[in-house]
Amino acid sequence: MFRLPPSRLALDPTDVIALDHDGRLQQFRLTAVADAEARGIEAVRQDREAYDLPPGAERPATLPRAVTFGAPEVIVLELPQLRDDTPAHQPLIAATAKP
């Protein structure tokens, strides 16, 4: 953890910075930023050369299969009107389909 002046507001978590230490540049990835009188920064060392993998073989792009649904079953429910505040012209319908 280290602190930076408020003038470094442009730095956010996941940014990668390079610090000069004894003439060598060390890369660090910021993991947390806490704003106060001085910005508290938490970072982990990042060595891309140690973790970068060579590119894999190209894969052909394929579209996902479209989801098709079966024929829907629809039933108009002929139920008695239980309350006066329910409009008579508003029927109840039940529907189902198998994907």
Protein backbone atom coordinates (compact mmCIF):
# COMPACT_ATOMS: atom_id res chain seq x y z
CA MET A 1 0.00 0.00 0.00
CA PHE A 2 1.20 3.49 -0.80
CA ARG A 3 -0.23 6.99 -0.94
CA LEU A 4 -0.50 9.46 -3.80
CA PRO A 5 -1.40 13.16 -3.85
CA PRO A 6 -4.97 14.17 -4.82
CA SER A 7 -3.61 15.31 -8.21
CA ARG A 8 -3.59 11.61 -9.23
CA LEU A 9 -7.39 11.32 -9.37
CA ALA A 10 -7.18 9.81 -12.85
CA LEU A 11 -5.98 6.46 -11.43
CA ASP A 12 -8.66 3.84 -10.83
CA PRO A 13 -8.65 0.18 -9.72
CA THR A 14 -7.49 -2.21 -12.50
CA ASP A 15 -5.18 0.46 -13.96
CA VAL A 16 -1.59 -0.69 -14.52
CA ILE A 17 1.20 1.68 -13.55
CA ALA A 18 4.97 1.45 -13.87
CA LEU A 19 7.15 2.47 -10.91
CA ASP A 20 10.87 3.17 -11.31
CA HIS A 21 12.80 1.26 -8.63
CA ASP A 22 16.60 1.29 -8.79
CA GLY A 23 16.53 2.02 -12.51
CA ARG A 24 14.09 -0.82 -13.30
CA LEU A 25 10.45 -0.33 -14.19
CA GLN A 26 8.13 -2.53 -12.15
CA GLN A 27 4.51 -2.91 -13.24
CA PHE A 28 1.73 -2.84 -10.63
CA ARG A 29 -2.02 -3.36 -11.07
CA LEU A 30 -4.12 -1.20 -8.74
CA THR A 31 -6.58 -3.28 -6.72
CA ALA A 32 -8.12 -0.65 -4.41
CA VAL A 33 -8.21 3.14 -4.12
CA ALA A 34 -9.29 4.99 -0.95
CA ASP A 35 -9.81 8.74 -1.16
CA ALA A 36 -8.82 10.87 1.83
CA GLU A 37 -6.26 13.64 2.42
CA ALA A 38 -3.88 11.47 0.40
CA ARG A 39 -5.11 8.71 -1.91
CA GLY A 40 -4.44 5.29 -0.41
CA ILE A 41 -3.55 2.80 -3.14
CA GLU A 42 -3.35 -0.97 -2.89
CA ALA A 43 -1.58 -2.72 -5.74
CA VAL A 44 -0.15 -6.08 -6.73
CA ARG A 45 2.92 -6.63 -8.84
CA GLN A 46 2.19 -7.69 -12.37
CA ASP A 47 4.65 -9.41 -14.67
CA ARG A 48 2.89 -9.90 -17.99
CA GLU A 49 5.82 -11.78 -19.51
CA ALA A 50 5.51 -14.49 -16.85
CA TYR A 51 1.77 -14.99 -17.32
CA ASP A 52 1.08 -14.23 -20.97
CA LEU A 53 0.23 -17.32 -22.96
CA PRO A 54 0.78 -17.67 -26.67
CA PRO A 55 -2.37 -17.23 -28.70
CA GLY A 56 -4.39 -20.40 -29.15
CA ALA A 57 -5.63 -21.89 -32.37
CA GLU A 58 -8.35 -19.95 -34.13
CA ARG A 59 -11.85 -21.23 -33.60
CA PRO A 60 -14.56 -20.78 -36.18
CA ALA A 61 -17.34 -18.47 -35.14
CA THR A 62 -20.64 -20.29 -34.86
CA LEU A 63 -24.04 -18.93 -34.12
CA PRO A 64 -25.95 -20.48 -31.24
CA ARG A 65 -28.88 -22.65 -32.20
CA ALA A 66 -32.16 -20.85 -32.15
CA VAL A 67 -34.51 -21.91 -29.38
CA THR A 68 -37.69 -23.27 -30.87
CA PHE A 69 -40.84 -23.65 -28.85
CA GLY A 70 -43.56 -26.19 -29.34
CA ALA A 71 -47.06 -25.21 -30.31
CA PRO A 72 -48.66 -23.22 -27.50
CA GLU A 73 -51.75 -24.40 -25.72
CA VAL A 74 -54.19 -21.59 -25.00
CA ILE A 75 -57.42 -21.87 -23.03
CA VAL A 76 -59.94 -19.12 -22.38
CA LEU A 77 -61.15 -19.62 -18.82
CA GLU A 78 -64.90 -19.38 -18.46
CA LEU A 79 -65.06 -18.48 -14.79
CA PRO A 80 -67.85 -16.67 -12.98
CA GLN A 81 -67.29 -13.03 -12.07
CA LEU A 82 -66.58 -13.03 -8.34
CA ARG A 83 -66.32 -9.28 -7.70
CA ASP A 84 -68.18 -6.30 -9.09
CA ASP A 85 -64.97 -4.31 -9.62
CA THR A 86 -63.70 -6.77 -12.28
CA PRO A 87 -64.71 -5.66 -15.79
CA ALA A 88 -66.93 -8.19 -17.56
CA HIS A 89 -65.09 -7.72 -20.88
CA GLN A 90 -61.73 -8.81 -19.42
CA PRO A 91 -61.47 -12.61 -19.92
CA LEU A 92 -58.84 -14.77 -18.23
CA ILE A 93 -56.53 -16.79 -20.47
CA ALA A 94 -54.12 -19.63 -19.59
CA ALA A 95 -51.22 -20.41 -21.96
CA THR A 96 -48.30 -22.83 -21.92
CA ALA A 97 -45.59 -24.02 -24.33
CA LYS A 98 -42.77 -26.55 -24.19
CA PRO A 99 -39.36 -25.22 -25.22
